[in-house]
């Protein structure tokens, strides 16, 4: 029996108008950005209606220890107020997509809807990438991108921040030469562990000037910080923490063992950040390492002239529609800057609210 078959050339093709997009991690830093001084990422947008290219973030250090007694004269023995500042400047940041009406008519999906969603995703990721890049800045005023920094600029930064940088699991790995210190980080002993997290916190509390915690519980005086880590580094921490979690938190925090996501250890909240950088081959034996950023208050200054807003443009007799995302803002790793510094020159070049660690990030 002969069956009638449809010709392939005459068979219509119907395209589904649904579409999917590449996954991205929502900005993990957004919960820690705000206008209050207790935020790790301190925003200032109060000059949005004013003219100018930047905002100053000022900081007052504590008075030195010491007391005058009884008939000792106060006149002539006054102490200079420790006033320091740093400036975050803004730039115009933008991204656009243009579409001809012919392509909108021919496409199976709603191109304009896809473009709007993609631009929104780009804006969110742009903020995330800027935070990551600025946290890694080095140099005499913490203003040089790590990727383009010279050896001298890295050395200048590590020398000024000897009380707030940690290479691996031990402070003995430190060297005022960055390459030497990074070369001391090995794949066996210098993974991120619970002990390392506690050490990072102690360094924050003992640094001079002090790094202010995000929160202090009044009754217990427990201090809280937040740390951001690469997935490979987070993997090693979770493995280190498993025994302690099972023994101590099995009842109270059962979900922390069996669910992915954040961990808390010794008052430090650890966030896994997919896009944290890997510094290839700079560790002992050529291993890869990755930074861990433990943040207190005002680690970064965020100068916001205008937040991201979408714009639309018509061109060529309305045949072409342009969709754009435009913002005016900038970030700076806040530093005890020599340009806007007080009288104590020993603090120049120190990052204000951040302890930077460098740990092994060996692949799976």
Foldseek 3Di string as FASTA:
>chain_A
DDDDDDDPVPDDDADAQDDDDDDDDFQPQVVQEDCDQFGLAHEDQPCLVPDDFKDKDKDWFDDDDDDDDDPDDPPPVDDDTWMFIDIWGKDKDKDKDKDFVVCCVPDSYRVVVVRVVVQVVVQRVVVSVQVLQQLQAFALFSFHGPVPDDQVRNLNLCVLALLFEAEFQDSVLDDSRVLSSQQAFDDPRRADELSSVVVNVVSQCPDVVHAAASDADPPVRQGAWEKEDEPLSVVVHLVRCQVVCVVPVCPPCVVPNVDDAWDDHSRYIYGHDHPFDWDFQSYHPGFIKTKMKIWTGHQKYKYFNDRWDKDWDADDVRRMIMIMIMGMIGMHRHARDPVRGDDPPSRRSHGHTIRMYMGTRHDD
